C-alpha cells in the first residue's frame, strides 16, 4: 500500500502556524503584547519563521517529503539553530533558559505532529495488510 504524501503547502502551513503559536505563547508568558503590539510580535516571529522556511526550501529542492519524521527532525533542528542565531544577530535575547524552552517546545510542535501522523499511518498500514 502506497502512503499518500501531504501537500507541501499544508505541511508548511502547519509548521508556520506552530512556530507562530510558539512565539505567541512566549510573548504572553512575558506579558508582552500580541495583537496590541504587531511589530513586537513580528520581531519575535521572524527569526524562527525565516529559519523554518529555509529548511522547507531545502526539503523542497531535494524533493524530500517534509511530512515524515526524519525530515521533521531536520526542519526542527534548522529552525532552532538558525532561528537562535538570527535572534542573536538582531540583538534579541538568547538566554540559556530561552534556548532550552525554544528547543523543547519546537521539538514538541514540529516533530510531535509528524510522530502522530506516523503512528496513524502505521495503524492504517497494519489494518490494510
N, C-alpha and C. Protein backbone atom coordinates (compact mmCIF):
# COMPACT_ATOMS: atom_id res chain seq x y z
N UNK A 1 0.84 -1.18 0.00
CA UNK A 1 0.00 0.00 0.00
C UNK A 1 0.88 1.25 0.00
N UNK A 2 0.63 2.14 -0.92
CA UNK A 2 1.40 3.36 -1.04
C UNK A 2 0.80 4.44 -0.15
N UNK A 3 1.66 5.04 0.67
CA UNK A 3 1.19 6.12 1.54
C UNK A 3 1.10 7.40 0.73
N UNK A 4 0.05 8.15 0.98
CA UNK A 4 -0.08 9.43 0.30
C UNK A 4 0.72 10.48 1.05
N UNK A 5 1.33 11.34 0.29
CA UNK A 5 2.06 12.45 0.89
C UNK A 5 1.13 13.62 1.09
N UNK A 6 1.34 14.32 2.16
CA UNK A 6 0.56 15.53 2.39
C UNK A 6 1.03 16.60 1.42
N UNK A 7 0.13 17.46 0.97
CA UNK A 7 0.55 18.55 0.09
C UNK A 7 1.60 19.42 0.80
N UNK A 8 2.61 19.83 0.06
CA UNK A 8 3.70 20.62 0.62
C UNK A 8 3.16 21.88 1.29
N UNK A 9 2.22 22.54 0.64
CA UNK A 9 1.68 23.79 1.21
C UNK A 9 1.03 23.53 2.57
N UNK A 10 0.38 22.39 2.73
CA UNK A 10 -0.25 22.08 4.01
C UNK A 10 0.80 21.82 5.08
N UNK A 11 1.85 21.10 4.74
CA UNK A 11 2.93 20.82 5.70
C UNK A 11 3.58 22.13 6.14
N UNK A 12 3.88 22.99 5.19
CA UNK A 12 4.50 24.29 5.51
C UNK A 12 3.54 25.12 6.37
N UNK A 13 2.27 25.14 6.00
CA UNK A 13 1.28 25.92 6.76
C UNK A 13 1.18 25.43 8.21
N UNK A 14 1.15 24.13 8.41
CA UNK A 14 1.10 23.58 9.77
C UNK A 14 2.31 24.05 10.57
N UNK A 15 3.49 23.93 9.98
CA UNK A 15 4.71 24.33 10.67
C UNK A 15 4.74 25.83 10.95
N UNK A 16 4.32 26.63 10.00
CA UNK A 16 4.29 28.10 10.20
C UNK A 16 3.35 28.45 11.34
N UNK A 17 2.18 27.83 11.36
CA UNK A 17 1.21 28.10 12.43
C UNK A 17 1.80 27.71 13.78
N UNK A 18 2.48 26.56 13.83
CA UNK A 18 3.05 26.11 15.11
C UNK A 18 4.19 27.01 15.58
N UNK A 19 5.00 27.50 14.66
CA UNK A 19 6.06 28.44 15.05
C UNK A 19 5.43 29.74 15.55
N UNK A 20 4.38 30.19 14.89
CA UNK A 20 3.69 31.40 15.35
C UNK A 20 3.08 31.19 16.73
N UNK A 21 2.48 30.02 16.96
CA UNK A 21 1.90 29.71 18.27
C UNK A 21 3.00 29.73 19.34
N UNK A 22 4.14 29.13 19.03
CA UNK A 22 5.27 29.15 19.97
C UNK A 22 5.63 30.59 20.35
N UNK A 23 5.73 31.46 19.36
CA UNK A 23 6.10 32.85 19.63
C UNK A 23 5.02 33.60 20.40
N UNK A 24 3.77 33.34 20.08
CA UNK A 24 2.66 33.99 20.79
C UNK A 24 2.65 33.54 22.26
N UNK A 25 2.82 32.24 22.50
CA UNK A 25 2.86 31.73 23.87
C UNK A 25 4.00 32.40 24.64
N UNK A 26 5.15 32.52 23.99
CA UNK A 26 6.29 33.17 24.64
C UNK A 26 6.01 34.61 25.01
N UNK A 27 5.41 35.34 24.09
CA UNK A 27 5.11 36.75 24.37
C UNK A 27 4.07 36.86 25.48
N UNK A 28 3.07 35.99 25.47
CA UNK A 28 2.04 36.04 26.51
C UNK A 28 2.62 35.68 27.88
N UNK A 29 3.56 34.73 27.89
CA UNK A 29 4.15 34.32 29.18
C UNK A 29 5.01 35.42 29.79
N UNK A 30 5.40 36.39 28.99
CA UNK A 30 6.19 37.52 29.49
C UNK A 30 5.37 38.81 29.51
N UNK A 31 4.06 38.65 29.42
CA UNK A 31 3.13 39.79 29.47
C UNK A 31 3.45 40.83 28.39
N UNK A 32 3.89 40.36 27.24
CA UNK A 32 4.15 41.25 26.11
C UNK A 32 2.92 41.22 25.21
N UNK A 33 2.72 42.29 24.48
CA UNK A 33 1.56 42.37 23.62
C UNK A 33 1.63 41.41 22.45
N UNK A 34 0.47 40.99 22.01
CA UNK A 34 0.37 40.13 20.83
C UNK A 34 -0.33 40.95 19.75
N UNK A 35 -1.63 41.05 19.83
CA UNK A 35 -2.36 41.84 18.83
C UNK A 35 -2.20 43.34 19.06
N UNK A 36 -1.92 43.73 20.29
CA UNK A 36 -1.72 45.15 20.58
C UNK A 36 -0.32 45.63 20.20
N UNK A 37 0.58 44.69 19.87
CA UNK A 37 1.95 45.03 19.51
C UNK A 37 2.40 44.17 18.33
N UNK A 38 1.78 44.41 17.18
CA UNK A 38 2.10 43.62 15.98
C UNK A 38 3.57 43.72 15.60
N UNK A 39 4.19 44.91 15.62
CA UNK A 39 5.63 44.97 15.31
C UNK A 39 6.46 44.11 16.27
N UNK A 40 6.13 44.13 17.55
CA UNK A 40 6.84 43.30 18.52
C UNK A 40 6.65 41.82 18.24
N UNK A 41 5.41 41.45 17.90
CA UNK A 41 5.13 40.05 17.57
C UNK A 41 5.91 39.62 16.34
N UNK A 42 5.92 40.44 15.31
CA UNK A 42 6.67 40.10 14.09
C UNK A 42 8.17 40.04 14.37
N UNK A 43 8.63 40.91 15.25
CA UNK A 43 10.04 40.88 15.64
C UNK A 43 10.41 39.59 16.34
N UNK A 44 9.47 39.03 17.07
CA UNK A 44 9.70 37.76 17.76
C UNK A 44 9.64 36.58 16.79
N UNK A 45 8.71 36.66 15.85
CA UNK A 45 8.47 35.52 14.95
C UNK A 45 9.51 35.41 13.84
N UNK A 46 9.96 36.53 13.28
CA UNK A 46 10.71 36.46 12.03
C UNK A 46 11.95 35.57 12.06
N UNK A 47 12.77 35.55 13.11
CA UNK A 47 13.96 34.70 13.03
C UNK A 47 13.62 33.21 12.87
N UNK A 48 12.62 32.76 13.60
CA UNK A 48 12.24 31.35 13.52
C UNK A 48 11.51 31.05 12.22
N UNK A 49 10.72 32.00 11.75
CA UNK A 49 9.99 31.81 10.50
C UNK A 49 10.96 31.74 9.32
N UNK A 50 11.94 32.62 9.28
CA UNK A 50 12.94 32.59 8.21
C UNK A 50 13.69 31.26 8.23
N UNK A 51 14.08 30.81 9.42
CA UNK A 51 14.79 29.53 9.55
C UNK A 51 13.92 28.37 9.10
N UNK A 52 12.66 28.38 9.51
CA UNK A 52 11.73 27.32 9.12
C UNK A 52 11.54 27.28 7.61
N UNK A 53 11.33 28.42 7.00
CA UNK A 53 11.11 28.46 5.56
C UNK A 53 12.36 28.06 4.79
N UNK A 54 13.54 28.39 5.31
CA UNK A 54 14.79 27.96 4.68
C UNK A 54 14.90 26.44 4.72
N UNK A 55 14.56 25.85 5.86
CA UNK A 55 14.60 24.39 5.99
C UNK A 55 13.63 23.74 5.02
N UNK A 56 12.43 24.31 4.91
CA UNK A 56 11.45 23.75 3.97
C UNK A 56 11.91 23.93 2.52
N UNK A 57 12.56 25.03 2.22
CA UNK A 57 13.06 25.24 0.86
C UNK A 57 14.07 24.15 0.49
N UNK A 58 14.95 23.82 1.43
CA UNK A 58 15.92 22.74 1.17
C UNK A 58 15.20 21.42 0.94
N UNK A 59 14.19 21.14 1.75
CA UNK A 59 13.43 19.89 1.58
C UNK A 59 12.75 19.86 0.21
N UNK A 60 12.22 20.99 -0.20
CA UNK A 60 11.55 21.08 -1.49
C UNK A 60 12.52 20.88 -2.64
N UNK A 61 13.68 21.52 -2.55
CA UNK A 61 14.70 21.37 -3.59
C UNK A 61 15.18 19.93 -3.70
N UNK A 62 15.32 19.27 -2.54
CA UNK A 62 15.79 17.88 -2.52
C UNK A 62 14.66 16.88 -2.75
N UNK A 63 13.44 17.39 -2.89
CA UNK A 63 12.24 16.55 -3.10
C UNK A 63 12.06 15.55 -1.96
N UNK A 64 12.31 16.04 -0.76
CA UNK A 64 12.17 15.22 0.44
C UNK A 64 10.79 15.46 1.04
N UNK A 65 10.06 14.40 1.34
CA UNK A 65 8.73 14.57 1.92
C UNK A 65 8.81 15.11 3.36
N UNK A 66 8.50 16.38 3.52
CA UNK A 66 8.68 17.06 4.80
C UNK A 66 7.68 16.64 5.86
N UNK A 67 6.70 15.82 5.49
CA UNK A 67 5.74 15.35 6.49
C UNK A 67 6.22 14.09 7.21
N UNK A 68 7.40 13.61 6.89
CA UNK A 68 7.96 12.41 7.52
C UNK A 68 8.79 12.79 8.74
N UNK A 69 9.08 11.80 9.59
CA UNK A 69 9.77 12.05 10.86
C UNK A 69 11.19 12.60 10.68
N UNK A 70 12.04 11.91 9.93
CA UNK A 70 13.43 12.35 9.81
C UNK A 70 13.54 13.75 9.21
N UNK A 71 12.85 14.04 8.12
CA UNK A 71 12.89 15.43 7.64
C UNK A 71 12.33 16.41 8.67
N UNK A 72 11.36 15.97 9.45
CA UNK A 72 10.81 16.82 10.50
C UNK A 72 11.85 17.15 11.56
N UNK A 73 12.66 16.18 11.89
CA UNK A 73 13.74 16.42 12.87
C UNK A 73 14.74 17.42 12.31
N UNK A 74 15.05 17.29 11.02
CA UNK A 74 15.98 18.23 10.38
C UNK A 74 15.36 19.63 10.36
N UNK A 75 14.09 19.72 10.00
CA UNK A 75 13.41 21.02 9.97
C UNK A 75 13.41 21.65 11.36
N UNK A 76 13.14 20.84 12.38
CA UNK A 76 13.16 21.34 13.76
C UNK A 76 14.56 21.86 14.13
N UNK A 77 15.59 21.07 13.85
CA UNK A 77 16.95 21.46 14.22
C UNK A 77 17.37 22.74 13.51
N UNK A 78 17.08 22.84 12.22
CA UNK A 78 17.43 24.05 11.48
C UNK A 78 16.65 25.25 12.02
N UNK A 79 15.38 25.05 12.30
CA UNK A 79 14.55 26.14 12.82
C UNK A 79 15.10 26.65 14.14
N UNK A 80 15.48 25.75 15.03
CA UNK A 80 16.01 26.17 16.33
C UNK A 80 17.37 26.84 16.18
N UNK A 81 18.31 26.19 15.53
CA UNK A 81 19.67 26.71 15.46
C UNK A 81 19.73 28.02 14.67
N UNK A 82 19.19 28.02 13.48
CA UNK A 82 19.24 29.23 12.65
C UNK A 82 18.37 30.33 13.27
N UNK A 83 17.23 29.96 13.82
CA UNK A 83 16.37 30.94 14.48
C UNK A 83 17.07 31.62 15.64
N UNK A 84 17.77 30.84 16.46
CA UNK A 84 18.50 31.43 17.59
C UNK A 84 19.67 32.30 17.12
N UNK A 85 20.35 31.87 16.07
CA UNK A 85 21.45 32.68 15.53
C UNK A 85 20.91 34.01 15.00
N UNK A 86 19.80 33.95 14.27
CA UNK A 86 19.21 35.19 13.74
C UNK A 86 18.74 36.10 14.87
N UNK A 87 18.19 35.50 15.94
CA UNK A 87 17.79 36.31 17.11
C UNK A 87 19.00 37.01 17.69
N UNK A 88 20.09 36.28 17.85
CA UNK A 88 21.30 36.86 18.43
C UNK A 88 21.85 37.97 17.54
N UNK A 89 21.88 37.73 16.23
CA UNK A 89 22.41 38.73 15.30
C UNK A 89 21.55 39.99 15.26
N UNK A 90 20.27 39.84 15.57
CA UNK A 90 19.38 41.01 15.54
C UNK A 90 19.24 41.68 16.90
N UNK A 91 20.05 41.22 17.88
CA UNK A 91 20.05 41.85 19.19
C UNK A 91 18.95 41.40 20.12
N UNK A 92 18.29 40.30 19.79
CA UNK A 92 17.24 39.78 20.67
C UNK A 92 17.85 38.79 21.66
N UNK A 93 17.11 38.51 22.71
CA UNK A 93 17.62 37.66 23.78
C UNK A 93 17.85 36.21 23.37
N UNK A 94 18.93 35.66 23.91
CA UNK A 94 19.24 34.24 23.69
C UNK A 94 19.74 33.62 24.99
N UNK A 95 19.07 33.90 26.06
CA UNK A 95 19.45 33.32 27.36
C UNK A 95 19.35 31.80 27.29
N UNK A 96 20.15 31.13 28.07
CA UNK A 96 20.17 29.67 28.09
C UNK A 96 18.77 29.11 28.33
N UNK A 97 18.05 29.68 29.28
CA UNK A 97 16.70 29.20 29.58
C UNK A 97 15.80 29.30 28.35
N UNK A 98 15.92 30.42 27.61
CA UNK A 98 15.13 30.58 26.39
C UNK A 98 15.52 29.54 25.35
N UNK A 99 16.81 29.30 25.20
CA UNK A 99 17.26 28.31 24.21
C UNK A 99 16.72 26.93 24.53
N UNK A 100 16.68 26.58 25.80
CA UNK A 100 16.15 25.27 26.22
C UNK A 100 14.66 25.19 25.94
N UNK A 101 13.94 26.23 26.33
CA UNK A 101 12.48 26.25 26.10
C UNK A 101 12.17 26.21 24.60
N UNK A 102 12.89 27.01 23.82
CA UNK A 102 12.67 27.03 22.37
C UNK A 102 12.94 25.66 21.76
N UNK A 103 14.03 25.05 22.16
CA UNK A 103 14.40 23.73 21.62
C UNK A 103 13.34 22.69 21.94
N UNK A 104 12.92 22.63 23.19
CA UNK A 104 11.95 21.61 23.60
C UNK A 104 10.56 21.88 23.05
N UNK A 105 10.13 23.13 23.07
CA UNK A 105 8.79 23.45 22.59
C UNK A 105 8.69 23.23 21.08
N UNK A 106 9.69 23.69 20.35
CA UNK A 106 9.66 23.49 18.90
C UNK A 106 9.80 22.01 18.54
N UNK A 107 10.51 21.23 19.35
CA UNK A 107 10.56 19.78 19.11
C UNK A 107 9.17 19.19 19.26
N UNK A 108 8.50 19.55 20.34
CA UNK A 108 7.14 19.05 20.56
C UNK A 108 6.23 19.44 19.40
N UNK A 109 6.31 20.69 18.97
CA UNK A 109 5.43 21.16 17.90
C UNK A 109 5.81 20.60 16.53
N UNK A 110 7.06 20.74 16.12
CA UNK A 110 7.44 20.40 14.75
C UNK A 110 7.66 18.90 14.52
N UNK A 111 8.09 18.21 15.56
CA UNK A 111 8.28 16.76 15.43
C UNK A 111 7.03 16.02 15.94
N UNK A 112 6.36 16.62 16.91
CA UNK A 112 5.21 15.97 17.53
C UNK A 112 4.09 15.63 16.57
N UNK A 113 3.70 16.57 15.71
CA UNK A 113 2.59 16.28 14.80
C UNK A 113 3.00 15.23 13.77
N UNK A 114 4.27 15.20 13.43
CA UNK A 114 4.74 14.18 12.48
C UNK A 114 4.75 12.80 13.13
N UNK A 115 5.04 12.76 14.44
CA UNK A 115 5.01 11.49 15.16
C UNK A 115 3.59 10.95 15.22
N UNK A 116 2.63 11.82 15.47
CA UNK A 116 1.23 11.39 15.47
C UNK A 116 0.83 10.89 14.09
N UNK A 117 1.23 11.63 13.05
CA UNK A 117 0.93 11.22 11.68
C UNK A 117 1.56 9.87 11.36
N UNK A 118 2.80 9.67 11.78
CA UNK A 118 3.48 8.38 11.54
C UNK A 118 2.74 7.25 12.23
N UNK A 119 2.27 7.48 13.43
CA UNK A 119 1.51 6.47 14.18
C UNK A 119 0.20 6.14 13.46
N UNK A 120 -0.50 7.16 13.01
CA UNK A 120 -1.75 6.94 12.26
C UNK A 120 -1.47 6.15 11.00
N UNK A 121 -0.42 6.50 10.28
CA UNK A 121 -0.07 5.77 9.05
C UNK A 121 0.27 4.32 9.36
N UNK A 122 0.99 4.08 10.44
CA UNK A 122 1.36 2.71 10.82
C UNK A 122 0.11 1.88 11.14
N UNK A 123 -0.81 2.49 11.89
CA UNK A 123 -2.06 1.78 12.23
C UNK A 123 -2.86 1.48 10.97
N UNK A 124 -2.97 2.43 10.08
CA UNK A 124 -3.71 2.21 8.83
C UNK A 124 -3.05 1.13 7.98
N UNK A 125 -1.72 1.16 7.93
CA UNK A 125 -0.98 0.16 7.15
C UNK A 125 -1.21 -1.23 7.73
N UNK A 126 -1.23 -1.34 9.07
CA UNK A 126 -1.47 -2.61 9.73
C UNK A 126 -2.85 -3.15 9.45
N UNK A 127 -3.83 -2.29 9.38
CA UNK A 127 -5.20 -2.70 9.08
C UNK A 127 -5.36 -3.14 7.64
N UNK A 128 -4.58 -2.53 6.74
CA UNK A 128 -4.69 -2.86 5.32
C UNK A 128 -4.04 -4.19 4.97
N UNK A 129 -3.14 -4.66 5.81
CA UNK A 129 -2.42 -5.90 5.49
C UNK A 129 -3.16 -7.13 5.88
